[in-house]
Amino acid sequence: MNPQTNPLLFLPDMQPDELHYVQTLTRDLSPNQLQQFAYLYRTKRKDSQTILIVALAGFIGFAGIHRFILGQIGMGILYFLTLGLCGIGTIVDLINARSMANEYNQQQAIETMRMVQMGVR
């Protein structure tokens, strides 16, 4: 792969599955567009370890904060009011933190790609 078109140079903290998704999504971008994509995407993406740590905070009284971070406001309110669905929802989210972050990041990558293609700066 050409070093100029490798998003890993712009986003070194991506996991391999996320990198593959981003490379597939951005394969037709010019180096300038790719750099713009990487800058915008870096500001939007969430790290799965951060989501895991924040979900752990659900056990000390802050249930649902990770859902707010992922843009799931309704679920965040539900988790907050039910103490993480009595803790069971929080446990499930701890197990699924990586996939939740990946799903969120894929949505953000698609949104960022649309912005770059429209020429948004």
PDB file of N, CA and C in Angstrom:
ATOM      1  N   MET A   1       0.843  -1.177   0.000  1.00  0.00           N
ATOM      2  CA  MET A   1       0.000   0.000   0.000  1.00  0.00           C
ATOM      3  C   MET A   1       0.887   1.239   0.000  1.00  0.00           C
ATOM      4  N   ASN A   2       0.513   2.205  -0.789  1.00  0.00           N
ATOM      5  CA  ASN A   2       1.231   3.463  -0.875  1.00  0.00           C
ATOM      6  C   ASN A   2       1.155   4.196   0.459  1.00  0.00           C
ATOM      7  N   PRO A   3       2.292   4.627   1.044  1.00  0.00           N
ATOM      8  CA  PRO A   3       2.258   5.304   2.339  1.00  0.00           C
ATOM      9  C   PRO A   3       1.417   6.569   2.347  1.00  0.00           C
ATOM     10  N   GLN A   4       1.290   7.227   1.190  1.00  0.00           N
ATOM     11  CA  GLN A   4       0.497   8.457   1.150  1.00  0.00           C
ATOM     12  C   GLN A   4      -0.995   8.183   1.283  1.00  0.00           C
ATOM     13  N   THR A   5      -1.454   6.988   0.966  1.00  0.00           N
ATOM     14  CA  THR A   5      -2.872   6.690   1.031  1.00  0.00           C
ATOM     15  C   THR A   5      -3.227   5.779   2.200  1.00  0.00           C
ATOM     16  N   ASN A   6      -2.346   5.618   3.140  1.00  0.00           N
ATOM     17  CA  ASN A   6      -2.593   4.758   4.291  1.00  0.00           C
ATOM     18  C   ASN A   6      -3.171   5.574   5.440  1.00  0.00           C
ATOM     19  N   PRO A   7      -4.459   5.367   5.776  1.00  0.00           N
ATOM     20  CA  PRO A   7      -5.072   6.136   6.862  1.00  0.00           C
ATOM     21  C   PRO A   7      -4.395   5.880   8.204  1.00  0.00           C
ATOM     22  N   LEU A   8      -3.688   4.769   8.324  1.00  0.00           N
ATOM     23  CA  LEU A   8      -3.007   4.456   9.568  1.00  0.00           C
ATOM     24  C   LEU A   8      -1.981   5.534   9.921  1.00  0.00           C
ATOM     25  N   LEU A   9      -1.412   6.176   8.906  1.00  0.00           N
ATOM     26  CA  LEU A   9      -0.461   7.250   9.173  1.00  0.00           C
ATOM     27  C   LEU A   9      -1.127   8.431   9.875  1.00  0.00           C
ATOM     28  N   PHE A  10      -2.405   8.633   9.601  1.00  0.00           N
ATOM     29  CA  PHE A  10      -3.130   9.743  10.187  1.00  0.00           C
ATOM     30  C   PHE A  10      -3.874   9.341  11.459  1.00  0.00           C
ATOM     31  N   LEU A  11      -4.175   8.056  11.597  1.00  0.00           N
ATOM     32  CA  LEU A  11      -4.956   7.544  12.729  1.00  0.00           C
ATOM     33  C   LEU A  11      -4.263   6.309  13.314  1.00  0.00           C
ATOM     34  N   PRO A  12      -3.177   6.483  14.027  1.00  0.00           N
ATOM     35  CA  PRO A  12      -2.404   5.322  14.501  1.00  0.00           C
ATOM     36  C   PRO A  12      -3.094   4.501  15.583  1.00  0.00           C
ATOM     37  N   ASP A  13      -4.162   4.980  16.191  1.00  0.00           N
ATOM     38  CA  ASP A  13      -4.805   4.254  17.287  1.00  0.00           C
ATOM     39  C   ASP A  13      -5.978   3.382  16.832  1.00  0.00           C
ATOM     40  N   MET A  14      -6.155   3.187  15.517  1.00  0.00           N
ATOM     41  CA  MET A  14      -7.240   2.349  15.026  1.00  0.00           C
ATOM     42  C   MET A  14      -6.916   0.873  15.221  1.00  0.00           C
ATOM     43  N   GLN A  15      -7.958   0.109  15.515  1.00  0.00           N
ATOM     44  CA  GLN A  15      -7.842  -1.350  15.601  1.00  0.00           C
ATOM     45  C   GLN A  15      -7.846  -1.915  14.178  1.00  0.00           C
ATOM     46  N   PRO A  16      -7.325  -3.149  13.979  1.00  0.00           N
ATOM     47  CA  PRO A  16      -7.241  -3.711  12.626  1.00  0.00           C
ATOM     48  C   PRO A  16      -8.574  -3.781  11.878  1.00  0.00           C
ATOM     49  N   ASP A  17      -9.659  -4.161  12.555  1.00  0.00           N
ATOM     50  CA  ASP A  17     -10.943  -4.240  11.862  1.00  0.00           C
ATOM     51  C   ASP A  17     -11.450  -2.859  11.469  1.00  0.00           C
ATOM     52  N   GLU A  18     -11.211  -1.880  12.306  1.00  0.00           N
ATOM     53  CA  GLU A  18     -11.607  -0.506  11.982  1.00  0.00           C
ATOM     54  C   GLU A  18     -10.753   0.022  10.831  1.00  0.00           C
ATOM     55  N   LEU A  19      -9.464  -0.265  10.860  1.00  0.00           N
ATOM     56  CA  LEU A  19      -8.569   0.157   9.786  1.00  0.00           C
ATOM     57  C   LEU A  19      -9.017  -0.424   8.449  1.00  0.00           C
ATOM     58  N   HIS A  20      -9.348  -1.703   8.443  1.00  0.00           N
ATOM     59  CA  HIS A  20      -9.805  -2.340   7.201  1.00  0.00           C
ATOM     60  C   HIS A  20     -11.066  -1.662   6.675  1.00  0.00           C
ATOM     61  N   TYR A  21     -12.007  -1.374   7.568  1.00  0.00           N
ATOM     62  CA  TYR A  21     -13.249  -0.715   7.159  1.00  0.00           C
ATOM     63  C   TYR A  21     -12.952   0.663   6.574  1.00  0.00           C
ATOM     64  N   VAL A  22     -12.099   1.427   7.238  1.00  0.00           N
ATOM     65  CA  VAL A  22     -11.765   2.780   6.771  1.00  0.00           C
ATOM     66  C   VAL A  22     -11.008   2.725   5.447  1.00  0.00           C
ATOM     67  N   GLN A  23     -10.088   1.776   5.304  1.00  0.00           N
ATOM     68  CA  GLN A  23      -9.354   1.653   4.041  1.00  0.00           C
ATOM     69  C   GLN A  23     -10.302   1.327   2.889  1.00  0.00           C
ATOM     70  N   THR A  24     -11.252   0.450   3.140  1.00  0.00           N
ATOM     71  CA  THR A  24     -12.225   0.101   2.102  1.00  0.00           C
ATOM     72  C   THR A  24     -13.084   1.304   1.743  1.00  0.00           C
ATOM     73  N   LEU A  25     -13.496   2.038   2.751  1.00  0.00           N
ATOM     74  CA  LEU A  25     -14.367   3.195   2.545  1.00  0.00           C
ATOM     75  C   LEU A  25     -13.652   4.322   1.804  1.00  0.00           C
ATOM     76  N   THR A  26     -12.370   4.501   2.068  1.00  0.00           N
ATOM     77  CA  THR A  26     -11.640   5.662   1.553  1.00  0.00           C
ATOM     78  C   THR A  26     -10.724   5.340   0.374  1.00  0.00           C
ATOM     79  N   ARG A  27     -10.849   4.179  -0.211  1.00  0.00           N
ATOM     80  CA  ARG A  27      -9.890   3.755  -1.237  1.00  0.00           C
ATOM     81  C   ARG A  27      -9.866   4.660  -2.461  1.00  0.00           C
ATOM     82  N   ASP A  28     -10.941   5.380  -2.751  1.00  0.00           N
ATOM     83  CA  ASP A  28     -10.998   6.226  -3.942  1.00  0.00           C
ATOM     84  C   ASP A  28     -10.701   7.699  -3.669  1.00  0.00           C
ATOM     85  N   LEU A  29     -10.310   8.031  -2.461  1.00  0.00           N
ATOM     86  CA  LEU A  29     -10.034   9.428  -2.124  1.00  0.00           C
ATOM     87  C   LEU A  29      -8.628   9.825  -2.551  1.00  0.00           C
ATOM     88  N   SER A  30      -8.488  11.088  -2.889  1.00  0.00           N
ATOM     89  CA  SER A  30      -7.161  11.620  -3.177  1.00  0.00           C
ATOM     90  C   SER A  30      -6.409  11.760  -1.853  1.00  0.00           C
ATOM     91  N   PRO A  31      -5.079  11.876  -1.897  1.00  0.00           N
ATOM     92  CA  PRO A  31      -4.330  12.044  -0.646  1.00  0.00           C
ATOM     93  C   PRO A  31      -4.802  13.251   0.172  1.00  0.00           C
ATOM     94  N   ASN A  32      -5.172  14.340  -0.495  1.00  0.00           N
ATOM     95  CA  ASN A  32      -5.661  15.511   0.208  1.00  0.00           C
ATOM     96  C   ASN A  32      -7.005  15.225   0.882  1.00  0.00           C
ATOM     97  N   GLN A  33      -7.906  14.551   0.160  1.00  0.00           N
ATOM     98  CA  GLN A  33      -9.200  14.186   0.732  1.00  0.00           C
ATOM     99  C   GLN A  33      -9.016  13.197   1.882  1.00  0.00           C
ATOM    100  N   LEU A  34      -8.079  12.278   1.729  1.00  0.00           N
ATOM    101  CA  LEU A  34      -7.819  11.300   2.783  1.00  0.00           C
ATOM    102  C   LEU A  34      -7.325  11.983   4.052  1.00  0.00           C
ATOM    103  N   GLN A  35      -6.472  12.958   3.880  1.00  0.00           N
ATOM    104  CA  GLN A  35      -5.988  13.708   5.041  1.00  0.00           C
ATOM    105  C   GLN A  35      -7.134  14.464   5.705  1.00  0.00           C
ATOM    106  N   GLN A  36      -8.012  15.049   4.911  1.00  0.00           N
ATOM    107  CA  GLN A  36      -9.179  15.737   5.455  1.00  0.00           C
ATOM    108  C   GLN A  36     -10.093  14.745   6.169  1.00  0.00           C
ATOM    109  N   PHE A  37     -10.303  13.579   5.575  1.00  0.00           N
ATOM    110  CA  PHE A  37     -11.117  12.544   6.198  1.00  0.00           C
ATOM    111  C   PHE A  37     -10.521  12.159   7.551  1.00  0.00           C
ATOM    112  N   ALA A  38      -9.227  11.914   7.573  1.00  0.00           N
ATOM    113  CA  ALA A  38      -8.568  11.476   8.809  1.00  0.00           C
ATOM    114  C   ALA A  38      -8.697  12.525   9.909  1.00  0.00           C
ATOM    115  N   TYR A  39      -8.544  13.776   9.550  1.00  0.00           N
ATOM    116  CA  TYR A  39      -8.671  14.849  10.543  1.00  0.00           C
ATOM    117  C   TYR A  39     -10.083  14.888  11.120  1.00  0.00           C
ATOM    118  N   LEU A  40     -11.092  14.860  10.247  1.00  0.00           N
ATOM    119  CA  LEU A  40     -12.479  14.914  10.712  1.00  0.00           C
ATOM    120  C   LEU A  40     -12.854  13.659  11.493  1.00  0.00           C
ATOM    121  N   TYR A  41     -12.453  12.509  10.990  1.00  0.00           N
ATOM    122  CA  TYR A  41     -12.806  11.242  11.628  1.00  0.00           C
ATOM    123  C   TYR A  41     -12.165  11.111  13.007  1.00  0.00           C
ATOM    124  N   ARG A  42     -10.945  11.579  13.125  1.00  0.00           N
ATOM    125  CA  ARG A  42     -10.251  11.524  14.422  1.00  0.00           C
ATOM    126  C   ARG A  42     -11.016  12.289  15.498  1.00  0.00           C
ATOM    127  N   THR A  43     -11.677  13.362  15.137  1.00  0.00           N
ATOM    128  CA  THR A  43     -12.428  14.149  16.117  1.00  0.00           C
ATOM    129  C   THR A  43     -13.756  13.501  16.489  1.00  0.00           C
ATOM    130  N   LYS A  44     -14.255  12.590  15.630  1.00  0.00           N
ATOM    131  CA  LYS A  44     -15.563  11.995  15.862  1.00  0.00           C
ATOM    132  C   LYS A  44     -15.519  10.601  16.470  1.00  0.00           C
ATOM    133  N   ARG A  45     -14.491   9.836  16.184  1.00  0.00           N
ATOM    134  CA  ARG A  45     -14.461   8.424  16.576  1.00  0.00           C
ATOM    135  C   ARG A  45     -14.291   8.271  18.086  1.00  0.00           C
ATOM    136  N   LYS A  46     -14.726   7.122  18.582  1.00  0.00           N
ATOM    137  CA  LYS A  46     -14.594   6.798  20.006  1.00  0.00           C
ATOM    138  C   LYS A  46     -13.731   5.548  20.144  1.00  0.00           C
ATOM    139  N   ASP A  47     -12.874   5.562  21.136  1.00  0.00           N
ATOM    140  CA  ASP A  47     -11.997   4.433  21.402  1.00  0.00           C
ATOM    141  C   ASP A  47     -12.755   3.408  22.244  1.00  0.00           C
ATOM    142  N   SER A  48     -12.643   2.131  21.895  1.00  0.00           N
ATOM    143  CA  SER A  48     -13.378   1.090  22.614  1.00  0.00           C
ATOM    144  C   SER A  48     -12.925   0.982  24.069  1.00  0.00           C
ATOM    145  N   GLN A  49     -11.667   1.265  24.350  1.00  0.00           N
ATOM    146  CA  GLN A  49     -11.190   1.217  25.738  1.00  0.00           C
ATOM    147  C   GLN A  49     -11.826   2.322  26.571  1.00  0.00           C
ATOM    148  N   THR A  50     -12.026   3.471  25.986  1.00  0.00           N
ATOM    149  CA  THR A  50     -12.692   4.562  26.694  1.00  0.00           C
ATOM    150  C   THR A  50     -14.132   4.180  27.018  1.00  0.00           C
ATOM    151  N   ILE A  51     -14.817   3.575  26.056  1.00  0.00           N
ATOM    152  CA  ILE A  51     -16.194   3.142  26.282  1.00  0.00           C
ATOM    153  C   ILE A  51     -16.242   2.101  27.397  1.00  0.00           C
ATOM    154  N   LEU A  52     -15.295   1.191  27.402  1.00  0.00           N
ATOM    155  CA  LEU A  52     -15.233   0.157  28.441  1.00  0.00           C
ATOM    156  C   LEU A  52     -15.025   0.782  29.817  1.00  0.00           C
ATOM    157  N   ILE A  53     -14.119   1.715  29.931  1.00  0.00           N
ATOM    158  CA  ILE A  53     -13.836   2.367  31.218  1.00  0.00           C
ATOM    159  C   ILE A  53     -15.043   3.163  31.694  1.00  0.00           C
ATOM    160  N   VAL A  54     -15.684   3.876  30.797  1.00  0.00           N
ATOM    161  CA  VAL A  54     -16.856   4.670  31.175  1.00  0.00           C
ATOM    162  C   VAL A  54     -18.011   3.749  31.563  1.00  0.00           C
ATOM    163  N   ALA A  55     -18.156   2.625  30.867  1.00  0.00           N
ATOM    164  CA  ALA A  55     -19.212   1.668  31.227  1.00  0.00           C
ATOM    165  C   ALA A  55     -18.960   1.105  32.624  1.00  0.00           C
ATOM    166  N   LEU A  56     -17.708   0.916  32.979  1.00  0.00           N
ATOM    167  CA  LEU A  56     -17.381   0.455  34.328  1.00  0.00           C
ATOM    168  C   LEU A  56     -17.849   1.448  35.393  1.00  0.00           C
ATOM    169  N   ALA A  57     -17.891   2.722  35.022  1.00  0.00           N
ATOM    170  CA  ALA A  57     -18.374   3.740  35.951  1.00  0.00           C
ATOM    171  C   ALA A  57     -19.840   3.518  36.302  1.00  0.00           C
ATOM    172  N   GLY A  58     -20.538   2.740  35.500  1.00  0.00           N
ATOM    173  CA  GLY A  58     -21.934   2.423  35.776  1.00  0.00           C
ATOM    174  C   GLY A  58     -22.117   1.691  37.091  1.00  0.00           C
ATOM    175  N   PHE A  59     -21.093   1.025  37.543  1.00  0.00           N
ATOM    176  CA  PHE A  59     -21.183   0.291  38.797  1.00  0.00           C
ATOM    177  C   PHE A  59     -20.979   1.181  40.022  1.00  0.00           C
ATOM    178  N   ILE A  60     -20.537   2.420  39.802  1.00  0.00           N
ATOM    179  CA  ILE A  60     -20.372   3.322  40.948  1.00  0.00           C
ATOM    180  C   ILE A  60     -21.373   4.467  40.907  1.00  0.00           C
ATOM    181  N   GLY A  61     -22.462   4.280  40.162  1.00  0.00           N
ATOM    182  CA  GLY A  61     -23.543   5.249  40.200  1.00  0.00           C
ATOM    183  C   GLY A  61     -23.730   6.107  38.980  1.00  0.00           C
ATOM    184  N   PHE A  62     -22.926   5.900  37.954  1.00  0.00           N
ATOM    185  CA  PHE A  62     -23.046   6.712  36.746  1.00  0.00           C
ATOM    186  C   PHE A  62     -23.475   5.859  35.555  1.00  0.00           C
ATOM    187  N   ALA A  63     -24.467   5.032  35.763  1.00  0.00           N
ATOM    188  CA  ALA A  63     -24.931   4.119  34.718  1.00  0.00           C
ATOM    189  C   ALA A  63     -25.434   4.888  33.509  1.00  0.00           C
ATOM    190  N   GLY A  64     -25.034   4.448  32.338  1.00  0.00           N
ATOM    191  CA  GLY A  64     -25.539   5.003  31.090  1.00  0.00           C
ATOM    192  C   GLY A  64     -24.695   6.081  30.453  1.00  0.00           C
ATOM    193  N   ILE A  65     -23.645   6.538  31.111  1.00  0.00           N
ATOM    194  CA  ILE A  65     -22.827   7.609  30.528  1.00  0.00           C
ATOM    195  C   ILE A  65     -22.231   7.160  29.199  1.00  0.00           C
ATOM    196  N   HIS A  66     -21.827   5.902  29.116  1.00  0.00           N
ATOM    197  CA  HIS A  66     -21.259   5.403  27.863  1.00  0.00           C
ATOM    198  C   HIS A  66     -22.274   5.464  26.728  1.00  0.00           C
ATOM    199  N   ARG A  67     -23.541   5.300  27.043  1.00  0.00           N
ATOM    200  CA  ARG A  67     -24.577   5.399  26.009  1.00  0.00           C
ATOM    201  C   ARG A  67     -24.718   6.842  25.524  1.00  0.00           C
ATOM    202  N   PHE A  68     -24.611   7.804  26.435  1.00  0.00           N
ATOM    203  CA  PHE A  68     -24.629   9.210  26.033  1.00  0.00           C
ATOM    204  C   PHE A  68     -23.449   9.516  25.118  1.00  0.00           C
ATOM    205  N   ILE A  69     -22.268   9.008  25.453  1.00  0.00           N
ATOM    206  CA  ILE A  69     -21.065   9.238  24.656  1.00  0.00           C
ATOM    207  C   ILE A  69     -21.235   8.688  23.243  1.00  0.00           C
ATOM    208  N   LEU A  70     -21.940   7.576  23.130  1.00  0.00           N
ATOM    209  CA  LEU A  70     -22.167   6.955  21.824  1.00  0.00           C
ATOM    210  C   LEU A  70     -23.366   7.544  21.081  1.00  0.00           C
ATOM    211  N   GLY A  71     -23.951   8.601  21.647  1.00  0.00           N
ATOM    212  CA  GLY A  71     -25.068   9.275  20.983  1.00  0.00           C
ATOM    213  C   GLY A  71     -26.403   8.594  21.166  1.00  0.00           C
ATOM    214  N   GLN A  72     -26.483   7.638  22.061  1.00  0.00           N
ATOM    215  CA  GLN A  72     -27.731   6.918  22.319  1.00  0.00           C
ATOM    216  C   GLN A  72     -28.405   7.528  23.551  1.00  0.00           C
ATOM    217  N   ILE A  73     -28.973   8.704  23.369  1.00  0.00           N
ATOM    218  CA  ILE A  73     -29.513   9.493  24.468  1.00  0.00           C
ATOM    219  C   ILE A  73     -30.647   8.765  25.188  1.00  0.00           C
ATOM    220  N   GLY A  74     -31.567   8.192  24.432  1.00  0.00           N
ATOM    221  CA  GLY A  74     -32.692   7.472  25.042  1.00  0.00           C
ATOM    222  C   GLY A  74     -32.232   6.316  25.920  1.00  0.00           C
ATOM    223  N   MET A  75     -31.304   5.531  25.405  1.00  0.00           N
ATOM    224  CA  MET A  75     -30.776   4.411  26.187  1.00  0.00           C
ATOM    225  C   MET A  75     -29.983   4.918  27.391  1.00  0.00           C
ATOM    226  N   GLY A  76     -29.296   6.034  27.231  1.00  0.00           N
ATOM    227  CA  GLY A  76     -28.565   6.613  28.355  1.00  0.00           C
ATOM    228  C   GLY A  76     -29.499   7.000  29.486  1.00  0.00           C
ATOM    229  N   ILE A  77     -30.620   7.626  29.141  1.00  0.00           N
ATOM    230  CA  ILE A  77     -31.607   8.002  30.156  1.00  0.00           C
ATOM    231  C   ILE A  77     -32.197   6.761  30.807  1.00  0.00           C
ATOM    232  N   LEU A  78     -32.523   5.760  29.992  1.00  0.00           N
ATOM    233  CA  LEU A  78     -33.067   4.512  30.532  1.00  0.00           C
ATOM    234  C   LEU A  78     -32.074   3.848  31.493  1.00  0.00           C
ATOM    235  N   TYR A  79     -30.824   3.763  31.104  1.00  0.00           N
ATOM    236  CA  TYR A  79     -29.805   3.160  31.970  1.00  0.00           C
ATOM    237  C   TYR A  79     -29.645   3.969  33.254  1.00  0.00           C
ATOM    238  N   PHE A  80     -29.672   5.288  33.124  1.00  0.00           N
ATOM    239  CA  PHE A  80     -29.517   6.136  34.308  1.00  0.00           C
ATOM    240  C   PHE A  80     -30.664   5.929  35.289  1.00  0.00           C
ATOM    241  N   LEU A  81     -31.891   5.884  34.771  1.00  0.00           N
ATOM    242  CA  LEU A  81     -33.062   5.753  35.635  1.00  0.00           C
ATOM    243  C   LEU A  81     -33.231   4.358  36.221  1.00  0.00           C
ATOM    244  N   THR A  82     -32.697   3.335  35.543  1.00  0.00           N
ATOM    245  CA  THR A  82     -32.864   1.956  36.014  1.00  0.00           C
ATOM    246  C   THR A  82     -31.564   1.371  36.565  1.00  0.00           C
ATOM    247  N   LEU A  83     -30.587   2.253  36.805  1.00  0.00           N
ATOM    248  CA  LEU A  83     -29.271   1.818  37.292  1.00  0.00           C
ATOM    249  C   LEU A  83     -28.667   0.741  36.394  1.00  0.00           C
ATOM    250  N   GLY A  84     -28.637   1.055  35.116  1.00  0.00           N
ATOM    251  CA  GLY A  84     -28.045   0.131  34.151  1.00  0.00           C
ATOM    252  C   GLY A  84     -28.867  -1.109  33.949  1.00  0.00           C
ATOM    253  N   LEU A  85     -30.195  -0.924  33.929  1.00  0.00           N
ATOM    254  CA  LEU A  85     -31.133  -2.053  33.825  1.00  0.00           C
ATOM    255  C   LEU A  85     -30.807  -3.066  34.914  1.00  0.00           C
ATOM    256  N   CYS A  86     -30.739  -2.537  36.136  1.00  0.00           N
ATOM    257  CA  CYS A  86     -30.415  -3.327  37.335  1.00  0.00           C
ATOM    258  C   CYS A  86     -29.039  -3.987  37.239  1.00  0.00           C
ATOM    259  N   GLY A  87     -28.144  -3.360  36.530  1.00  0.00           N
ATOM    260  CA  GLY A  87     -26.776  -3.862  36.412  1.00  0.00           C
ATOM    261  C   GLY A  87     -26.573  -4.840  35.273  1.00  0.00           C
ATOM    262  N   ILE A  88     -27.630  -5.496  34.853  1.00  0.00           N
ATOM    263  CA  ILE A  88     -27.502  -6.499  33.786  1.00  0.00           C
ATOM    264  C   ILE A  88     -27.136  -5.844  32.460  1.00  0.00           C
ATOM    265  N   GLY A  89     -27.773  -4.736  32.141  1.00  0.00           N
ATOM    266  CA  GLY A  89     -27.467  -4.022  30.902  1.00  0.00           C
ATOM    267  C   GLY A  89     -26.033  -3.519  30.879  1.00  0.00           C
ATOM    268  N   THR A  90     -25.563  -3.069  32.032  1.00  0.00           N
ATOM    269  CA  THR A  90     -24.191  -2.587  32.114  1.00  0.00           C
ATOM    270  C   THR A  90     -23.203  -3.732  31.899  1.00  0.00           C
ATOM    271  N   ILE A  91     -23.499  -4.897  32.466  1.00  0.00           N
ATOM    272  CA  ILE A  91     -22.623  -6.055  32.272  1.00  0.00           C
ATOM    273  C   ILE A  91     -22.579  -6.449  30.798  1.00  0.00           C
ATOM    274  N   VAL A  92     -23.742  -6.470  30.157  1.00  0.00           N
ATOM    275  CA  VAL A  92     -23.796  -6.797  28.730  1.00  0.00           C
ATOM    276  C   VAL A  92     -22.997  -5.772  27.927  1.00  0.00           C
ATOM    277  N   ASP A  93     -23.133  -4.505  28.287  1.00  0.00           N
ATOM    278  CA  ASP A  93     -22.395  -3.464  27.573  1.00  0.00           C
ATOM    279  C   ASP A  93     -20.894  -3.561  27.806  1.00  0.00           C
ATOM    280  N   LEU A  94     -20.478  -4.009  28.967  1.00  0.00           N
ATOM    281  CA  LEU A  94     -19.048  -4.215  29.211  1.00  0.00           C
ATOM    282  C   LEU A  94     -18.504  -5.277  28.263  1.00  0.00           C
ATOM    283  N   ILE A  95     -19.280  -6.320  28.061  1.00  0.00           N
ATOM    284  CA  ILE A  95     -18.873  -7.394  27.163  1.00  0.00           C
ATOM    285  C   ILE A  95     -18.855  -6.906  25.711  1.00  0.00           C
ATOM    286  N   ASN A  96     -19.803  -6.048  25.368  1.00  0.00           N
ATOM    287  CA  ASN A  96     -19.958  -5.586  23.988  1.00  0.00           C
ATOM    288  C   ASN A  96     -19.354  -4.211  23.721  1.00  0.00           C
ATOM    289  N   ALA A  97     -18.526  -3.692  24.594  1.00  0.00           N
ATOM    290  CA  ALA A  97     -17.989  -2.329  24.441  1.00  0.00           C
ATOM    291  C   ALA A  97     -17.267  -2.150  23.117  1.00  0.00           C
ATOM    292  N   ARG A  98     -16.480  -3.113  22.728  1.00  0.00           N
ATOM    293  CA  ARG A  98     -15.725  -2.985  21.486  1.00  0.00           C
ATOM    294  C   ARG A  98     -16.651  -2.940  20.282  1.00  0.00           C
ATOM    295  N   SER A  99     -17.643  -3.816  20.239  1.00  0.00           N
ATOM    296  CA  SER A  99     -18.554  -3.816  19.088  1.00  0.00           C
ATOM    297  C   SER A  99     -19.424  -2.558  19.075  1.00  0.00           C
ATOM    298  N   MET A 100     -19.784  -2.046  20.241  1.00  0.00           N
ATOM    299  CA  MET A 100     -20.555  -0.803  20.302  1.00  0.00           C
ATOM    300  C   MET A 100     -19.733   0.356  19.751  1.00  0.00           C
ATOM    301  N   ALA A 101     -18.458   0.417  20.126  1.00  0.00           N
ATOM    302  CA  ALA A 101     -17.575   1.468  19.627  1.00  0.00           C
ATOM    303  C   ALA A 101     -17.355   1.311  18.124  1.00  0.00           C
ATOM    304  N   ASN A 102     -17.175   0.073  17.650  1.00  0.00           N
ATOM    305  CA  ASN A 102     -16.991  -0.156  16.216  1.00  0.00           C
ATOM    306  C   ASN A 102     -18.209   0.276  15.412  1.00  0.00           C
ATOM    307  N   GLU A 103     -19.394  -0.041  15.909  1.00  0.00           N
ATOM    308  CA  GLU A 103     -20.623   0.354  15.219  1.00  0.00           C
ATOM    309  C   GLU A 103     -20.731   1.876  15.154  1.00  0.00           C
ATOM    310  N   TYR A 104     -20.461   2.530  16.273  1.00  0.00           N
ATOM    311  CA  TYR A 104     -20.493   3.988  16.307  1.00  0.00           C
ATOM    312  C   TYR A 104     -19.463   4.566  15.326  1.00  0.00           C
ATOM    313  N   ASN A 105     -18.252   4.010  15.343  1.00  0.00           N
ATOM    314  CA  ASN A 105     -17.184   4.520  14.476  1.00  0.00           C
ATOM    315  C   ASN A 105     -17.500   4.305  13.003  1.00  0.00           C
ATOM    316  N   GLN A 106     -18.142   3.204  12.662  1.00  0.00           N
ATOM    317  CA  GLN A 106     -18.528   2.985  11.273  1.00  0.00           C
ATOM    318  C   GLN A 106     -19.541   4.031  10.821  1.00  0.00           C
ATOM    319  N   GLN A 107     -20.493   4.351  11.686  1.00  0.00           N
ATOM    320  CA  GLN A 107     -21.468   5.389  11.355  1.00  0.00           C
ATOM    321  C   GLN A 107     -20.773   6.738  11.171  1.00  0.00           C
ATOM    322  N   GLN A 108     -19.816   7.031  12.039  1.00  0.00           N
ATOM    323  CA  GLN A 108     -19.092   8.290  11.937  1.00  0.00           C
ATOM    324  C   GLN A 108     -18.211   8.326  10.700  1.00  0.00           C
ATOM    325  N   ALA A 109     -17.637   7.188  10.318  1.00  0.00           N
ATOM    326  CA  ALA A 109     -16.812   7.128   9.109  1.00  0.00           C
ATOM    327  C   ALA A 109     -17.651   7.413   7.870  1.00  0.00           C
ATOM    328  N   ILE A 110     -18.840   6.848   7.823  1.00  0.00           N
ATOM    329  CA  ILE A 110     -19.738   7.093   6.684  1.00  0.00           C
ATOM    330  C   ILE A 110     -20.136   8.566   6.630  1.00  0.00           C
ATOM    331  N   GLU A 111     -20.484   9.128   7.779  1.00  0.00           N
ATOM    332  CA  GLU A 111     -20.847  10.550   7.832  1.00  0.00           C
ATOM    333  C   GLU A 111     -19.669  11.429   7.420  1.00  0.00           C
ATOM    334  N   THR A 112     -18.489  11.101   7.895  1.00  0.00           N
ATOM    335  CA  THR A 112     -17.293  11.867   7.551  1.00  0.00           C
ATOM    336  C   THR A 112     -16.987  11.751   6.067  1.00  0.00           C
ATOM    337  N   MET A 113     -17.153  10.560   5.512  1.00  0.00           N
ATOM    338  CA  MET A 113     -16.917  10.348   4.084  1.00  0.00           C
ATOM    339  C   MET A 113     -17.850  11.224   3.254  1.00  0.00           C
ATOM    340  N   ARG A 114     -19.106  11.307   3.658  1.00  0.00           N
ATOM    341  CA  ARG A 114     -20.057  12.172   2.939  1.00  0.00           C
ATOM    342  C   ARG A 114     -19.623  13.637   3.004  1.00  0.00           C
ATOM    343  N   MET A 115     -19.135  14.041   4.165  1.00  0.00           N
ATOM    344  CA  MET A 115     -18.687  15.431   4.316  1.00  0.00           C
ATOM    345  C   MET A 115     -17.501  15.709   3.410  1.00  0.00           C
ATOM    346  N   VAL A 116     -16.556  14.795   3.360  1.00  0.00           N
ATOM    347  CA  VAL A 116     -15.358  14.979   2.527  1.00  0.00           C
ATOM    348  C   VAL A 116     -15.755  15.005   1.048  1.00  0.00           C
ATOM    349  N   GLN A 117     -16.646  14.129   0.637  1.00  0.00           N
ATOM    350  CA  GLN A 117     -17.067  14.078  -0.755  1.00  0.00           C
ATOM    351  C   GLN A 117     -17.828  15.335  -1.156  1.00  0.00           C
ATOM    352  N   MET A 118     -18.524  15.962  -0.204  1.00  0.00           N
ATOM    353  CA  MET A 118     -19.256  17.202  -0.498  1.00  0.00           C
ATOM    354  C   MET A 118     -18.329  18.406  -0.425  1.00  0.00           C
ATOM    355  N   GLY A 119     -17.108  18.211   0.047  1.00  0.00           N
ATOM    356  CA  GLY A 119     -16.143  19.294   0.101  1.00  0.00           C
ATOM    357  C   GLY A 119     -16.263  20.159   1.340  1.00  0.00           C
ATOM    358  N   VAL A 120     -16.860  19.633   2.421  1.00  0.00           N
ATOM    359  CA  VAL A 120     -16.990  20.377   3.668  1.00  0.00           C
ATOM    360  C   VAL A 120     -15.625  20.514   4.312  1.00  0.00           C
ATOM    361  N   ARG A 121     -15.329  21.677   4.790  1.00  0.00           N
ATOM    362  CA  ARG A 121     -14.026  21.915   5.441  1.00  0.00           C
ATOM    363  C   ARG A 121     -14.237  22.155   6.902  1.00  0.00           C
TER     364      ARG A 121
END
